Amino acid sequence: MLILSSLVIMLTIGIIFLYHSNSNDANDAFEIIGFLVTFISSVFFLVAILFFPIHIYDVHAQIQAYHATVSTIEAARLNGVDIEDAAMQHKIIEINRDIAKLQYYNETIFDIWIPDEVMDLQLIK
C-alpha cells in the first residue's frame, strides 16, 4: 500500500508542477520537472496496478500447489509407498523455500500483492 500511496503522491506533485508551469511568471523548470514526475509516476502506477491481479493469482496457485504436495507426501508416508527419498526431500525443500519467501514478503511493503493466507501455511517436515 505504501508503494501505491507514494506513486499517487508523486503523480499529484507532478500535476501540480504542470499546473503551475502554465502561469505567466513560471519558468520552464516547473514544466520539465512536472512532466517527468507525472510521466514516470504514471508509468509505474499503471504497471503496479496491472501486475496486482496477476501476482495475486500466482500466489493463490502456489498455495494450491502447496496443499496438493502436502497431501501427496502425507499419503505416500502413510501408505508406505516407496518414493525416492532424495526426490521427496528436494520437493519439500523447494516448497519450504517458496513459503518462507512469500511469508517474508508478506511482512514488507509488498504485502498488498501477497494474500495473507500465506501466513497460515506451515513448513513441511
Protein backbone atom coordinates (compact mmCIF):
# COMPACT_ATOMS: atom_id res chain seq x y z
CA MET A 1 0.00 0.00 0.00
CA LEU A 2 2.94 2.28 0.69
CA ILE A 3 4.13 1.91 -2.89
CA LEU A 4 0.76 2.84 -4.38
CA SER A 5 0.38 5.77 -1.98
CA SER A 6 3.81 7.07 -2.89
CA LEU A 7 3.05 6.83 -6.59
CA VAL A 8 -0.25 8.69 -6.16
CA ILE A 9 1.56 11.43 -4.20
CA MET A 10 4.24 11.70 -6.90
CA LEU A 11 1.56 11.86 -9.58
CA THR A 12 -0.21 14.64 -7.68
CA ILE A 13 3.03 16.60 -7.26
CA GLY A 14 3.75 16.25 -10.98
CA ILE A 15 0.28 17.52 -11.89
CA ILE A 16 0.69 20.47 -9.51
CA PHE A 17 4.03 21.34 -11.15
CA LEU A 18 2.42 21.13 -14.59
CA TYR A 19 -0.45 23.32 -13.46
CA HIS A 20 1.91 25.95 -12.05
CA SER A 21 4.06 25.87 -15.19
CA ASN A 22 1.15 27.39 -17.13
CA SER A 23 1.26 30.60 -15.07
CA ASN A 24 2.91 33.62 -16.68
CA ASP A 25 5.82 34.06 -14.28
CA ALA A 26 6.84 30.38 -14.06
CA ASN A 27 9.98 29.16 -15.77
CA ASP A 28 10.47 26.07 -17.88
CA ALA A 29 11.90 24.06 -14.96
CA PHE A 30 8.43 23.58 -13.48
CA GLU A 31 7.16 22.27 -16.78
CA ILE A 32 10.07 19.85 -17.29
CA ILE A 33 10.02 18.57 -13.71
CA GLY A 34 6.23 18.32 -13.74
CA PHE A 35 6.21 16.38 -16.98
CA LEU A 36 8.96 13.97 -15.85
CA VAL A 37 7.43 13.30 -12.44
CA THR A 38 3.95 12.86 -13.92
CA PHE A 39 5.14 10.57 -16.70
CA ILE A 40 7.36 8.37 -14.53
CA SER A 41 4.85 8.04 -11.68
CA SER A 42 2.03 7.32 -14.17
CA VAL A 43 4.01 4.53 -15.83
CA PHE A 44 4.98 2.92 -12.52
CA PHE A 45 1.45 3.29 -11.16
CA LEU A 46 -0.06 1.58 -14.23
CA VAL A 47 2.50 -1.24 -14.04
CA ALA A 48 1.75 -1.74 -10.33
CA ILE A 49 -2.00 -1.82 -10.96
CA LEU A 50 -1.66 -4.21 -13.91
CA PHE A 51 0.56 -6.68 -12.07
CA PHE A 52 -1.58 -6.67 -8.92
CA PRO A 53 -4.18 -9.25 -10.06
CA ILE A 54 -1.59 -11.32 -11.92
CA HIS A 55 0.62 -11.73 -8.88
CA ILE A 56 -2.27 -12.50 -6.53
CA TYR A 57 -3.42 -15.20 -8.97
CA ASP A 58 0.09 -16.65 -8.97
CA VAL A 59 0.28 -16.72 -5.17
CA HIS A 60 -3.09 -18.47 -4.96
CA ALA A 61 -1.79 -21.04 -7.45
CA GLN A 62 1.29 -21.58 -5.27
CA ILE A 63 -0.93 -22.06 -2.20
CA GLN A 64 -2.94 -24.71 -4.05
CA ALA A 65 0.28 -26.42 -5.18
CA TYR A 66 1.43 -26.43 -1.55
CA HIS A 67 -1.75 -28.16 -0.38
CA ALA A 68 -1.56 -30.71 -3.18
CA THR A 69 2.08 -31.50 -2.41
CA VAL A 70 1.43 -31.85 1.32
CA SER A 71 -1.44 -34.24 0.62
CA THR A 72 0.69 -36.31 -1.74
CA ILE A 73 3.60 -36.53 0.70
CA GLU A 74 1.34 -37.45 3.63
CA ALA A 75 -0.45 -40.12 1.59
CA ALA A 76 2.87 -41.56 0.44
CA ARG A 77 4.18 -41.65 4.01
CA LEU A 78 1.01 -43.30 5.37
CA ASN A 79 0.74 -45.91 2.63
CA GLY A 80 4.42 -46.71 2.73
CA VAL A 81 4.84 -46.01 -0.96
CA ASP A 82 8.50 -46.17 -1.83
CA ILE A 83 9.14 -42.69 -3.12
CA GLU A 84 12.71 -41.83 -3.72
CA ASP A 85 13.77 -40.00 -0.56
CA ALA A 86 16.06 -37.61 -2.39
CA ALA A 87 13.32 -36.51 -4.78
CA MET A 88 10.84 -36.06 -1.95
CA GLN A 89 13.33 -34.11 0.17
CA HIS A 90 14.15 -31.90 -2.80
CA LYS A 91 10.45 -31.12 -3.34
CA ILE A 92 9.97 -30.39 0.39
CA ILE A 93 12.96 -28.02 0.40
CA GLU A 94 11.67 -26.25 -2.71
CA ILE A 95 8.20 -25.72 -1.25
CA ASN A 96 9.52 -24.63 2.15
CA ARG A 97 11.77 -22.09 0.43
CA ASP A 98 8.81 -20.69 -1.52
CA ILE A 99 6.65 -20.49 1.62
CA ALA A 100 9.38 -18.74 3.58
CA LYS A 101 9.89 -16.23 0.75
CA LEU A 102 6.17 -15.46 0.46
CA GLN A 103 5.80 -15.09 4.23
CA TYR A 104 8.79 -12.73 4.34
CA TYR A 105 7.47 -10.54 1.52
CA ASN A 106 4.02 -10.53 3.13
CA GLU A 107 5.55 -8.62 6.05
CA THR A 108 7.25 -5.97 3.88
CA ILE A 109 5.91 -3.12 1.76
CA PHE A 110 4.97 -5.67 -0.92
CA ASP A 111 2.22 -7.15 1.28
CA ILE A 112 -0.55 -5.73 -0.90
CA TRP A 113 0.46 -8.18 -3.65
CA ILE A 114 0.57 -11.23 -1.37
CA PRO A 115 -2.60 -12.63 0.22
CA ASP A 116 -2.49 -13.04 3.99
CA GLU A 117 -3.37 -16.73 3.57
CA VAL A 118 0.34 -17.49 3.15
CA MET A 119 0.88 -16.78 6.83
CA ASP A 120 -1.32 -19.80 7.68
CA LEU A 121 0.89 -22.21 5.74
CA GLN A 122 3.24 -24.38 7.80
CA LEU A 123 6.63 -25.62 6.66
CA ILE A 124 6.63 -29.27 5.62
CA LYS A 125 8.63 -31.53 7.90
